[in-house]
């Protein structure tokens, strides 16, 4: 009898301390948080791709600017050499 009573008390204790099911609201909030996380990760990936593309475009435009500045310098040198010859 004592063993049966001890077994029943132990069974009740184990059942009372067992895993609990999450409430529907908690489960819904968790699902919403997961969906928001996935959306944020997708947006991050999209923005990183856009950033890479823009950095590539920036580098290309910088090369064009450098080439145009060299052309300006060359033209300015031609102007300076031709104008100096005429003013004398």
Protein backbone atom coordinates (compact mmCIF):
# COMPACT_ATOMS: atom_id res chain seq x y z
CA UNK A 1 0.00 0.00 0.00
CA UNK A 2 2.81 2.41 0.85
CA UNK A 3 4.51 1.55 -2.41
CA UNK A 4 1.29 2.18 -4.36
CA UNK A 5 0.75 5.52 -2.59
CA UNK A 6 4.37 6.53 -3.21
CA UNK A 7 4.03 5.52 -6.88
CA UNK A 8 0.81 7.56 -7.27
CA UNK A 9 2.41 10.63 -5.65
CA UNK A 10 5.44 10.27 -7.89
CA UNK A 11 3.21 9.88 -10.99
CA UNK A 12 1.20 12.99 -10.05
CA UNK A 13 4.40 14.94 -9.44
CA UNK A 14 5.86 13.90 -12.79
CA UNK A 15 2.61 14.63 -14.64
CA UNK A 16 2.35 18.05 -13.00
CA UNK A 17 5.90 18.99 -13.93
CA UNK A 18 5.73 17.64 -17.47
CA UNK A 19 5.89 19.73 -20.63
CA UNK A 20 3.11 22.22 -21.09
CA UNK A 21 1.52 23.07 -24.41
CA UNK A 22 1.98 26.65 -25.52
CA UNK A 23 -1.10 28.84 -25.62
CA UNK A 24 -2.50 29.64 -29.04
CA UNK A 25 -1.62 33.33 -28.64
CA UNK A 26 1.96 32.45 -27.80
CA UNK A 27 2.16 30.09 -30.75
CA UNK A 28 0.67 32.70 -33.09
CA UNK A 29 3.09 35.36 -31.83
CA UNK A 30 6.00 32.97 -32.34
CA UNK A 31 4.86 32.21 -35.89
CA UNK A 32 4.53 35.93 -36.63
CA UNK A 33 8.01 36.55 -35.25
CA UNK A 34 9.42 33.77 -37.43
CA UNK A 35 7.69 35.20 -40.51
CA UNK A 36 9.03 38.67 -39.70
CA UNK A 37 12.53 37.24 -39.27
CA UNK A 38 12.36 35.49 -42.64
CA UNK A 39 11.09 38.66 -44.31
CA UNK A 40 13.88 40.70 -42.70
CA UNK A 41 16.52 38.20 -43.80
CA UNK A 42 15.18 38.29 -47.36
CA UNK A 43 15.25 42.11 -47.33
CA UNK A 44 18.83 42.08 -46.01
CA UNK A 45 19.87 39.75 -48.80
CA UNK A 46 18.15 41.94 -51.39
CA UNK A 47 19.76 45.10 -50.03
CA UNK A 48 23.22 43.51 -49.92
CA UNK A 49 22.84 42.60 -53.60
CA UNK A 50 21.74 46.14 -54.39
CA UNK A 51 24.67 47.54 -52.41
CA UNK A 52 27.11 45.38 -54.35
CA UNK A 53 25.61 46.51 -57.64
CA UNK A 54 25.81 50.17 -56.61
CA UNK A 55 29.41 49.82 -55.47
CA UNK A 56 30.30 48.32 -58.84
CA UNK A 57 28.51 51.17 -60.61
CA UNK A 58 30.32 53.70 -58.40
CA UNK A 59 33.71 52.21 -59.31
CA UNK A 60 32.85 52.36 -63.01
CA UNK A 61 31.72 55.97 -62.75
CA UNK A 62 34.88 56.89 -60.82
CA UNK A 63 36.97 55.44 -63.66
CA UNK A 64 35.02 57.54 -66.15
CA UNK A 65 35.57 60.65 -64.01
CA UNK A 66 39.30 59.95 -63.84
CA UNK A 67 39.46 59.51 -67.63
CA UNK A 68 37.55 62.75 -68.19
CA UNK A 69 39.83 64.63 -65.79
CA UNK A 70 42.88 63.39 -67.71
CA UNK A 71 41.25 64.51 -70.95
CA UNK A 72 40.54 67.93 -69.42
CA UNK A 73 44.17 68.22 -68.34
CA UNK A 74 45.39 67.30 -71.81
CA UNK A 75 43.08 69.84 -73.43
CA UNK A 76 44.09 72.50 -70.91
CA UNK A 77 47.76 71.84 -71.70
CA UNK A 78 47.04 72.23 -75.43
CA UNK A 79 45.21 75.49 -74.78
CA UNK A 80 48.00 76.78 -72.59
CA UNK A 81 50.75 75.93 -75.10
CA UNK A 82 48.87 77.41 -78.09
CA UNK A 83 47.79 80.55 -76.27
CA UNK A 84 51.28 81.22 -74.96
CA UNK A 85 52.64 81.14 -78.46
CA UNK A 86 50.08 83.69 -79.72
CA UNK A 87 50.42 86.16 -76.88
CA UNK A 88 54.12 86.63 -77.44
